[in-house]
């Protein structure tokens, strides 16, 4: 039962990928809105959007890394018991 909880935890850690997708959508929706309001600041707004994209994607990668660590650790433990 404890091992199944670890696998469920690994699956729950991948939910951060869905949140990242939503976050990236919000970042670029804000970029489009800002450009439509002030088209003369396109270069500066695009720089901020890329920064927001990178930070949002980093959070997703941390979540994916945690899920990977939990899953690989479970596999190693299972193989050592054999």
N, C-alpha and C. Protein backbone atom coordinates (compact mmCIF):
# COMPACT_ATOMS: atom_id res chain seq x y z
N UNK A 1 0.83 -1.19 0.00
CA UNK A 1 0.00 0.00 0.00
C UNK A 1 0.88 1.27 0.00
N UNK A 2 1.99 1.20 0.73
CA UNK A 2 2.88 2.35 0.78
C UNK A 2 3.50 2.65 -0.57
N UNK A 3 3.83 1.60 -1.33
CA UNK A 3 4.42 1.79 -2.65
C UNK A 3 3.42 2.38 -3.63
N UNK A 4 2.16 1.98 -3.50
CA UNK A 4 1.15 2.56 -4.39
C UNK A 4 0.94 4.04 -4.09
N UNK A 5 1.08 4.43 -2.82
CA UNK A 5 0.98 5.84 -2.46
C UNK A 5 2.11 6.65 -3.10
N UNK A 6 3.28 6.04 -3.21
CA UNK A 6 4.41 6.72 -3.85
C UNK A 6 4.14 6.94 -5.34
N UNK A 7 3.56 5.93 -5.98
CA UNK A 7 3.25 6.06 -7.41
C UNK A 7 2.15 7.10 -7.61
N UNK A 8 1.17 7.12 -6.72
CA UNK A 8 0.11 8.14 -6.81
C UNK A 8 0.72 9.53 -6.60
N UNK A 9 1.65 9.66 -5.66
CA UNK A 9 2.34 10.94 -5.45
C UNK A 9 3.12 11.38 -6.66
N UNK A 10 3.74 10.43 -7.34
CA UNK A 10 4.47 10.75 -8.56
C UNK A 10 3.52 11.27 -9.64
N UNK A 11 2.37 10.64 -9.75
CA UNK A 11 1.37 11.11 -10.71
C UNK A 11 0.84 12.49 -10.36
N UNK A 12 0.64 12.74 -9.07
CA UNK A 12 0.15 14.05 -8.65
C UNK A 12 1.18 15.15 -8.91
N UNK A 13 2.46 14.79 -8.84
CA UNK A 13 3.50 15.79 -9.10
C UNK A 13 3.50 16.23 -10.55
N UNK A 14 2.99 15.40 -11.45
CA UNK A 14 2.95 15.79 -12.86
C UNK A 14 1.81 16.76 -13.16
N UNK A 15 0.94 17.01 -12.18
CA UNK A 15 -0.14 17.98 -12.38
C UNK A 15 0.45 19.38 -12.61
N UNK A 16 1.65 19.61 -12.14
CA UNK A 16 2.28 20.92 -12.36
C UNK A 16 2.42 21.23 -13.84
N UNK A 17 2.46 20.21 -14.69
CA UNK A 17 2.54 20.45 -16.13
C UNK A 17 1.26 21.11 -16.64
N UNK A 18 0.12 20.71 -16.11
CA UNK A 18 -1.14 21.33 -16.52
C UNK A 18 -1.18 22.79 -16.07
N UNK A 19 -0.73 23.04 -14.85
CA UNK A 19 -0.68 24.41 -14.36
C UNK A 19 0.28 25.27 -15.17
N UNK A 20 1.34 24.67 -15.62
CA UNK A 20 2.29 25.40 -16.45
C UNK A 20 1.67 25.79 -17.79
N UNK A 21 0.92 24.88 -18.37
CA UNK A 21 0.24 25.19 -19.62
C UNK A 21 -0.72 26.36 -19.48
N UNK A 22 -1.45 26.37 -18.38
CA UNK A 22 -2.37 27.48 -18.12
C UNK A 22 -1.59 28.77 -17.90
N UNK A 23 -0.50 28.68 -17.15
CA UNK A 23 0.31 29.87 -16.89
C UNK A 23 0.91 30.46 -18.15
N UNK A 24 1.39 29.61 -19.04
CA UNK A 24 1.96 30.09 -20.29
C UNK A 24 0.88 30.74 -21.15
N UNK A 25 -0.30 30.16 -21.15
CA UNK A 25 -1.41 30.77 -21.88
C UNK A 25 -1.76 32.14 -21.35
N UNK A 26 -1.75 32.29 -20.04
CA UNK A 26 -2.05 33.58 -19.42
C UNK A 26 -0.97 34.60 -19.75
N UNK A 27 0.29 34.17 -19.75
CA UNK A 27 1.40 35.09 -20.06
C UNK A 27 1.25 35.64 -21.48
N UNK A 28 1.01 34.77 -22.44
CA UNK A 28 0.94 35.24 -23.81
C UNK A 28 -0.39 35.93 -24.13
N UNK A 29 -1.45 35.60 -23.40
CA UNK A 29 -2.69 36.36 -23.55
C UNK A 29 -2.49 37.79 -23.05
N UNK A 30 -1.75 37.92 -21.94
CA UNK A 30 -1.43 39.26 -21.43
C UNK A 30 -0.54 40.03 -22.40
N UNK A 31 0.36 39.32 -23.07
CA UNK A 31 1.22 39.97 -24.06
C UNK A 31 0.37 40.52 -25.22
N UNK A 32 -0.54 39.71 -25.71
CA UNK A 32 -1.38 40.18 -26.82
C UNK A 32 -2.24 41.37 -26.41
N UNK A 33 -2.76 41.33 -25.19
CA UNK A 33 -3.57 42.45 -24.70
C UNK A 33 -2.72 43.71 -24.56
N UNK A 34 -1.51 43.56 -24.01
CA UNK A 34 -0.63 44.72 -23.82
C UNK A 34 -0.19 45.31 -25.15
N UNK A 35 0.10 44.46 -26.13
CA UNK A 35 0.52 44.97 -27.44
C UNK A 35 -0.63 45.68 -28.13
N UNK A 36 -1.85 45.16 -27.96
CA UNK A 36 -2.99 45.84 -28.60
C UNK A 36 -3.26 47.20 -27.96
N UNK A 37 -2.91 47.36 -26.69
CA UNK A 37 -3.13 48.65 -26.02
C UNK A 37 -2.01 49.65 -26.31
N UNK A 38 -0.78 49.15 -26.43
CA UNK A 38 0.35 50.03 -26.65
C UNK A 38 1.34 49.36 -27.62
N UNK A 39 1.10 49.49 -28.92
CA UNK A 39 1.94 48.79 -29.89
C UNK A 39 3.37 49.32 -29.99
N UNK A 40 3.67 50.45 -29.40
CA UNK A 40 5.02 51.01 -29.50
C UNK A 40 6.00 50.36 -28.52
N UNK A 41 5.49 49.57 -27.58
CA UNK A 41 6.36 48.93 -26.59
C UNK A 41 6.53 47.43 -26.85
N UNK A 42 6.43 47.03 -28.10
CA UNK A 42 6.44 45.61 -28.44
C UNK A 42 7.73 44.93 -27.96
N UNK A 43 8.87 45.54 -28.17
CA UNK A 43 10.15 44.91 -27.82
C UNK A 43 10.26 44.69 -26.31
N UNK A 44 9.93 45.70 -25.52
CA UNK A 44 10.01 45.57 -24.07
C UNK A 44 8.97 44.57 -23.55
N UNK A 45 7.76 44.61 -24.09
CA UNK A 45 6.72 43.69 -23.65
C UNK A 45 7.07 42.25 -24.00
N UNK A 46 7.68 42.05 -25.17
CA UNK A 46 8.07 40.70 -25.56
C UNK A 46 9.16 40.16 -24.65
N UNK A 47 10.08 41.03 -24.22
CA UNK A 47 11.12 40.62 -23.27
C UNK A 47 10.49 40.16 -21.96
N UNK A 48 9.52 40.91 -21.46
CA UNK A 48 8.84 40.52 -20.22
C UNK A 48 8.06 39.22 -20.41
N UNK A 49 7.46 39.03 -21.57
CA UNK A 49 6.71 37.81 -21.82
C UNK A 49 7.63 36.59 -21.86
N UNK A 50 8.79 36.73 -22.46
CA UNK A 50 9.74 35.62 -22.50
C UNK A 50 10.24 35.30 -21.09
N UNK A 51 10.46 36.31 -20.27
CA UNK A 51 10.86 36.08 -18.89
C UNK A 51 9.75 35.34 -18.13
N UNK A 52 8.51 35.76 -18.31
CA UNK A 52 7.38 35.07 -17.68
C UNK A 52 7.24 33.65 -18.16
N UNK A 53 7.46 33.43 -19.46
CA UNK A 53 7.41 32.08 -20.02
C UNK A 53 8.49 31.20 -19.39
N UNK A 54 9.69 31.73 -19.28
CA UNK A 54 10.81 30.94 -18.73
C UNK A 54 10.56 30.58 -17.27
N UNK A 55 10.06 31.51 -16.48
CA UNK A 55 9.80 31.22 -15.07
C UNK A 55 8.67 30.20 -14.92
N UNK A 56 7.63 30.32 -15.74
CA UNK A 56 6.53 29.37 -15.68
C UNK A 56 6.99 27.98 -16.10
N UNK A 57 7.81 27.93 -17.12
CA UNK A 57 8.31 26.63 -17.60
C UNK A 57 9.26 26.01 -16.58
N UNK A 58 10.00 26.83 -15.86
CA UNK A 58 10.91 26.30 -14.84
C UNK A 58 10.14 25.61 -13.73
N UNK A 59 9.00 26.18 -13.35
CA UNK A 59 8.17 25.55 -12.31
C UNK A 59 7.69 24.19 -12.79
N UNK A 60 7.29 24.10 -14.04
CA UNK A 60 6.84 22.81 -14.59
C UNK A 60 7.98 21.80 -14.61
N UNK A 61 9.17 22.25 -14.95
CA UNK A 61 10.31 21.33 -14.97
C UNK A 61 10.68 20.84 -13.58
N UNK A 62 10.53 21.71 -12.57
CA UNK A 62 10.78 21.27 -11.20
C UNK A 62 9.77 20.21 -10.79
N UNK A 63 8.50 20.41 -11.14
CA UNK A 63 7.48 19.41 -10.82
C UNK A 63 7.73 18.10 -11.53
N UNK A 64 8.11 18.17 -12.79
CA UNK A 64 8.41 16.97 -13.55
C UNK A 64 9.64 16.25 -12.99
N UNK A 65 10.61 17.02 -12.56
CA UNK A 65 11.82 16.44 -11.96
C UNK A 65 11.47 15.71 -10.67
N UNK A 66 10.62 16.29 -9.83
CA UNK A 66 10.22 15.63 -8.59
C UNK A 66 9.46 14.34 -8.88
N UNK A 67 8.57 14.38 -9.86
CA UNK A 67 7.83 13.17 -10.23
C UNK A 67 8.79 12.10 -10.74
N UNK A 68 9.77 12.50 -11.51
CA UNK A 68 10.75 11.55 -12.05
C UNK A 68 11.58 10.94 -10.92
N UNK A 69 12.01 11.77 -9.97
CA UNK A 69 12.80 11.26 -8.86
C UNK A 69 12.01 10.26 -8.03
N UNK A 70 10.76 10.58 -7.74
CA UNK A 70 9.93 9.66 -6.95
C UNK A 70 9.73 8.35 -7.70
N UNK A 71 9.45 8.44 -8.99
CA UNK A 71 9.19 7.24 -9.77
C UNK A 71 10.44 6.37 -9.91
N UNK A 72 11.57 6.99 -10.21
CA UNK A 72 12.82 6.23 -10.36
C UNK A 72 13.24 5.63 -9.03
N UNK A 73 13.06 6.34 -7.96
CA UNK A 73 13.38 5.81 -6.63
C UNK A 73 12.53 4.57 -6.34
N UNK A 74 11.25 4.62 -6.70
CA UNK A 74 10.39 3.46 -6.51
C UNK A 74 10.86 2.28 -7.34
N UNK A 75 11.27 2.52 -8.57
CA UNK A 75 11.76 1.44 -9.41
C UNK A 75 13.02 0.80 -8.84
N UNK A 76 13.92 1.64 -8.34
CA UNK A 76 15.17 1.13 -7.76
C UNK A 76 14.87 0.27 -6.53
N UNK A 77 13.96 0.73 -5.70
CA UNK A 77 13.59 -0.04 -4.51
C UNK A 77 12.96 -1.37 -4.89
N UNK A 78 12.11 -1.36 -5.90
CA UNK A 78 11.47 -2.60 -6.34
C UNK A 78 12.50 -3.58 -6.87
N UNK A 79 13.43 -3.09 -7.69
CA UNK A 79 14.44 -3.99 -8.26
C UNK A 79 15.42 -4.50 -7.20
N UNK A 80 15.70 -3.73 -6.17
CA UNK A 80 16.59 -4.19 -5.11
C UNK A 80 15.94 -5.28 -4.26
N UNK A 81 14.61 -5.26 -4.17
CA UNK A 81 13.91 -6.29 -3.41
C UNK A 81 13.90 -7.62 -4.15
N UNK A 82 14.07 -7.59 -5.47
CA UNK A 82 14.08 -8.84 -6.24
C UNK A 82 15.35 -9.54 -5.99
